[in-house]
Amino acid sequence: MPFTRISMHQGKSPNYVKAVSDSLHQALVDAFEVPADDRFQVIHQLAPGELVFDPHYMGGPRSTDFILFQVNAGRLRSAEVKKAFYRRLVDLLGQRPGVRAEDVMVTIQTNQAEDWSFSSGRALIDEIG
């Protein structure tokens, strides 16, 4: 049940944005133990100066095609699962829409079932028992 915020510079085409969204979702399904119908994302396209990053810190060199993925996951995953997800994501993004691996940053935060309500004011913890 992850929810992901995707941040990138503005000016990307709808096809590019869809390819980023689709690549993320496929990587989550393939490597992060997420069901195919569990897709929740918000995509932010930011003006120059609104997405600030160091082009060389712990990677790079990063370009203006830099994308930040902030994954909020509802349960813990092993380090091996996370590493497989990171690799799968950059592989898919490289294929479509052609994002360089150096331009991809991912953070994962985990919380509990009581921190989620998918609809109608009901806590997920009550839905899953």
C-alpha atoms as a PDB file:
ATOM      1  CA  MET A   1       0.000   0.000   0.000  1.00  0.00           C
ATOM      2  CA  PRO A   2       2.656   2.540  -0.816  1.00  0.00           C
ATOM      3  CA  PHE A   3       1.890   6.143  -1.639  1.00  0.00           C
ATOM      4  CA  THR A   4       4.577   7.919  -3.654  1.00  0.00           C
ATOM      5  CA  ARG A   5       5.314  11.579  -4.284  1.00  0.00           C
ATOM      6  CA  ILE A   6       7.284  12.092  -7.465  1.00  0.00           C
ATOM      7  CA  SER A   7       9.056  15.424  -7.876  1.00  0.00           C
ATOM      8  CA  MET A   8      10.685  16.630 -11.112  1.00  0.00           C
ATOM      9  CA  HIS A   9      11.280  19.842 -13.007  1.00  0.00           C
ATOM     10  CA  GLN A  10       8.344  21.244 -14.936  1.00  0.00           C
ATOM     11  CA  GLY A  11       8.034  21.061 -18.680  1.00  0.00           C
ATOM     12  CA  LYS A  12       7.886  17.292 -19.115  1.00  0.00           C
ATOM     13  CA  SER A  13       5.369  15.992 -21.647  1.00  0.00           C
ATOM     14  CA  PRO A  14       2.309  13.997 -20.577  1.00  0.00           C
ATOM     15  CA  ASN A  15       3.887  10.925 -22.213  1.00  0.00           C
ATOM     16  CA  TYR A  16       7.095  11.398 -20.199  1.00  0.00           C
ATOM     17  CA  VAL A  17       5.150  11.809 -16.944  1.00  0.00           C
ATOM     18  CA  LYS A  18       3.060   8.713 -17.715  1.00  0.00           C
ATOM     19  CA  ALA A  19       6.204   6.704 -18.453  1.00  0.00           C
ATOM     20  CA  VAL A  20       7.720   7.760 -15.095  1.00  0.00           C
ATOM     21  CA  SER A  21       4.486   6.842 -13.300  1.00  0.00           C
ATOM     22  CA  ASP A  22       4.205   3.505 -15.104  1.00  0.00           C
ATOM     23  CA  SER A  23       7.873   2.639 -14.493  1.00  0.00           C
ATOM     24  CA  LEU A  24       7.523   3.363 -10.784  1.00  0.00           C
ATOM     25  CA  HIS A  25       4.396   1.264 -10.500  1.00  0.00           C
ATOM     26  CA  GLN A  26       5.927  -1.649 -12.407  1.00  0.00           C
ATOM     27  CA  ALA A  27       9.025  -1.559 -10.187  1.00  0.00           C
ATOM     28  CA  LEU A  28       6.825  -1.583  -7.069  1.00  0.00           C
ATOM     29  CA  VAL A  29       4.905  -4.603  -8.383  1.00  0.00           C
ATOM     30  CA  ASP A  30       7.997  -6.445  -9.630  1.00  0.00           C
ATOM     31  CA  ALA A  31      10.318  -5.866  -6.683  1.00  0.00           C
ATOM     32  CA  PHE A  32       8.568  -4.232  -3.703  1.00  0.00           C
ATOM     33  CA  GLU A  33       5.808  -6.790  -3.041  1.00  0.00           C
ATOM     34  CA  VAL A  34       2.949  -4.490  -4.124  1.00  0.00           C
ATOM     35  CA  PRO A  35      -0.297  -5.771  -5.713  1.00  0.00           C
ATOM     36  CA  ALA A  36      -0.923  -4.620  -9.285  1.00  0.00           C
ATOM     37  CA  ASP A  37      -4.078  -2.671  -8.375  1.00  0.00           C
ATOM     38  CA  ASP A  38      -2.387  -0.764  -5.496  1.00  0.00           C
ATOM     39  CA  ARG A  39      -1.432   2.472  -7.249  1.00  0.00           C
ATOM     40  CA  PHE A  40      -1.353   5.832  -5.445  1.00  0.00           C
ATOM     41  CA  GLN A  41       0.946   8.612  -6.666  1.00  0.00           C
ATOM     42  CA  VAL A  42       1.171  12.383  -6.711  1.00  0.00           C
ATOM     43  CA  ILE A  43       3.411  13.918  -9.352  1.00  0.00           C
ATOM     44  CA  HIS A  44       4.824  17.398  -8.828  1.00  0.00           C
ATOM     45  CA  GLN A  45       6.413  19.337 -11.695  1.00  0.00           C
ATOM     46  CA  LEU A  46       8.328  22.188 -10.115  1.00  0.00           C
ATOM     47  CA  ALA A  47       9.619  25.493 -11.477  1.00  0.00           C
ATOM     48  CA  PRO A  48      13.349  26.253 -11.541  1.00  0.00           C
ATOM     49  CA  GLY A  49      14.521  26.842  -7.984  1.00  0.00           C
ATOM     50  CA  GLU A  50      11.721  24.757  -6.448  1.00  0.00           C
ATOM     51  CA  LEU A  51      13.548  21.416  -6.725  1.00  0.00           C
ATOM     52  CA  VAL A  52      16.905  21.970  -5.100  1.00  0.00           C
ATOM     53  CA  PHE A  53      19.562  19.243  -5.142  1.00  0.00           C
ATOM     54  CA  ASP A  54      23.321  18.890  -5.177  1.00  0.00           C
ATOM     55  CA  PRO A  55      24.476  17.585  -8.561  1.00  0.00           C
ATOM     56  CA  HIS A  56      27.272  15.472  -7.019  1.00  0.00           C
ATOM     57  CA  TYR A  57      26.412  14.524  -3.413  1.00  0.00           C
ATOM     58  CA  MET A  58      26.570  10.707  -2.988  1.00  0.00           C
ATOM     59  CA  GLY A  59      26.129  10.086  -6.693  1.00  0.00           C
ATOM     60  CA  GLY A  60      25.717  11.934  -9.909  1.00  0.00           C
ATOM     61  CA  PRO A  61      26.485  13.895 -11.781  1.00  0.00           C
ATOM     62  CA  ARG A  62      22.799  14.809 -11.674  1.00  0.00           C
ATOM     63  CA  SER A  63      21.145  16.797 -14.435  1.00  0.00           C
ATOM     64  CA  THR A  64      17.967  18.859 -14.626  1.00  0.00           C
ATOM     65  CA  ASP A  65      16.185  15.543 -15.341  1.00  0.00           C
ATOM     66  CA  PHE A  66      16.644  14.652 -11.648  1.00  0.00           C
ATOM     67  CA  ILE A  67      13.597  12.877 -10.141  1.00  0.00           C
ATOM     68  CA  LEU A  68      12.924  12.372  -6.424  1.00  0.00           C
ATOM     69  CA  PHE A  69      10.668   9.468  -5.398  1.00  0.00           C
ATOM     70  CA  GLN A  70       9.352   9.615  -1.823  1.00  0.00           C
ATOM     71  CA  VAL A  71       7.742   6.256  -1.078  1.00  0.00           C
ATOM     72  CA  ASN A  72       5.524   6.015   1.991  1.00  0.00           C
ATOM     73  CA  ALA A  73       5.078   2.297   2.683  1.00  0.00           C
ATOM     74  CA  GLY A  74       2.616   0.682   5.047  1.00  0.00           C
ATOM     75  CA  ARG A  75       4.931  -2.112   6.154  1.00  0.00           C
ATOM     76  CA  LEU A  76       8.606  -2.889   6.477  1.00  0.00           C
ATOM     77  CA  ARG A  77      10.568  -4.471   3.627  1.00  0.00           C
ATOM     78  CA  SER A  78      13.933  -6.173   3.929  1.00  0.00           C
ATOM     79  CA  ALA A  79      17.099  -4.457   2.761  1.00  0.00           C
ATOM     80  CA  GLU A  80      17.277  -6.982  -0.104  1.00  0.00           C
ATOM     81  CA  VAL A  81      13.751  -6.096  -1.277  1.00  0.00           C
ATOM     82  CA  LYS A  82      14.551  -2.376  -1.157  1.00  0.00           C
ATOM     83  CA  LYS A  83      17.789  -2.851  -3.110  1.00  0.00           C
ATOM     84  CA  ALA A  84      15.967  -4.908  -5.753  1.00  0.00           C
ATOM     85  CA  PHE A  85      13.331  -2.165  -6.008  1.00  0.00           C
ATOM     86  CA  TYR A  86      15.969   0.555  -6.484  1.00  0.00           C
ATOM     87  CA  ARG A  87      17.649  -1.445  -9.262  1.00  0.00           C
ATOM     88  CA  ARG A  88      14.375  -2.325 -10.984  1.00  0.00           C
ATOM     89  CA  LEU A  89      13.198   1.292 -10.868  1.00  0.00           C
ATOM     90  CA  VAL A  90      16.318   2.702 -12.526  1.00  0.00           C
ATOM     91  CA  ASP A  91      16.287  -0.107 -15.108  1.00  0.00           C
ATOM     92  CA  LEU A  92      12.679   0.637 -16.087  1.00  0.00           C
ATOM     93  CA  LEU A  93      13.157   4.414 -16.081  1.00  0.00           C
ATOM     94  CA  GLY A  94      16.196   3.968 -18.299  1.00  0.00           C
ATOM     95  CA  GLN A  95      14.111   2.027 -20.807  1.00  0.00           C
ATOM     96  CA  ARG A  96      11.166   4.406 -20.727  1.00  0.00           C
ATOM     97  CA  PRO A  97      11.257   7.441 -20.692  1.00  0.00           C
ATOM     98  CA  GLY A  98      15.067   7.342 -20.789  1.00  0.00           C
ATOM     99  CA  VAL A  99      16.034   8.688 -17.364  1.00  0.00           C
ATOM    100  CA  ARG A 100      19.673   8.216 -16.403  1.00  0.00           C
ATOM    101  CA  ALA A 101      20.244   6.193 -13.206  1.00  0.00           C
ATOM    102  CA  GLU A 102      22.291   9.099 -11.811  1.00  0.00           C
ATOM    103  CA  ASP A 103      19.169  11.280 -11.956  1.00  0.00           C
ATOM    104  CA  VAL A 104      17.060   9.028  -9.695  1.00  0.00           C
ATOM    105  CA  MET A 105      16.836   9.437  -5.910  1.00  0.00           C
ATOM    106  CA  VAL A 106      14.528   7.343  -3.721  1.00  0.00           C
ATOM    107  CA  THR A 107      13.557   7.644  -0.072  1.00  0.00           C
ATOM    108  CA  ILE A 108      11.359   5.102   1.709  1.00  0.00           C
ATOM    109  CA  GLN A 109       9.433   5.813   4.890  1.00  0.00           C
ATOM    110  CA  THR A 110       7.407   3.186   6.706  1.00  0.00           C
ATOM    111  CA  ASN A 111       4.452   3.593   8.999  1.00  0.00           C
ATOM    112  CA  GLN A 112       1.694   1.478  10.578  1.00  0.00           C
ATOM    113  CA  ALA A 113      -1.764   0.380   9.437  1.00  0.00           C
ATOM    114  CA  GLU A 114      -3.430   2.818  11.865  1.00  0.00           C
ATOM    115  CA  ASP A 115      -1.738   5.654   9.941  1.00  0.00           C
ATOM    116  CA  TRP A 116      -3.818   4.943   6.816  1.00  0.00           C
ATOM    117  CA  SER A 117      -7.445   5.568   5.869  1.00  0.00           C
ATOM    118  CA  PHE A 118      -8.261   4.689   2.265  1.00  0.00           C
ATOM    119  CA  SER A 119     -11.862   5.927   2.351  1.00  0.00           C
ATOM    120  CA  SER A 120     -14.986   6.703   4.325  1.00  0.00           C
ATOM    121  CA  GLY A 121     -13.082   7.705   7.454  1.00  0.00           C
ATOM    122  CA  ARG A 122     -12.239   4.083   8.266  1.00  0.00           C
ATOM    123  CA  ALA A 123      -8.775   3.239   9.582  1.00  0.00           C
ATOM    124  CA  LEU A 124      -6.972   0.521   7.670  1.00  0.00           C
ATOM    125  CA  ILE A 125      -6.283  -1.249  10.965  1.00  0.00           C
ATOM    126  CA  ASP A 126     -10.055  -1.792  11.306  1.00  0.00           C
ATOM    127  CA  GLU A 127     -10.258  -3.161   7.735  1.00  0.00           C
ATOM    128  CA  ILE A 128      -7.494  -5.720   8.116  1.00  0.00           C
ATOM    129  CA  GLY A 129      -8.259  -6.639  11.715  1.00  0.00           C
END
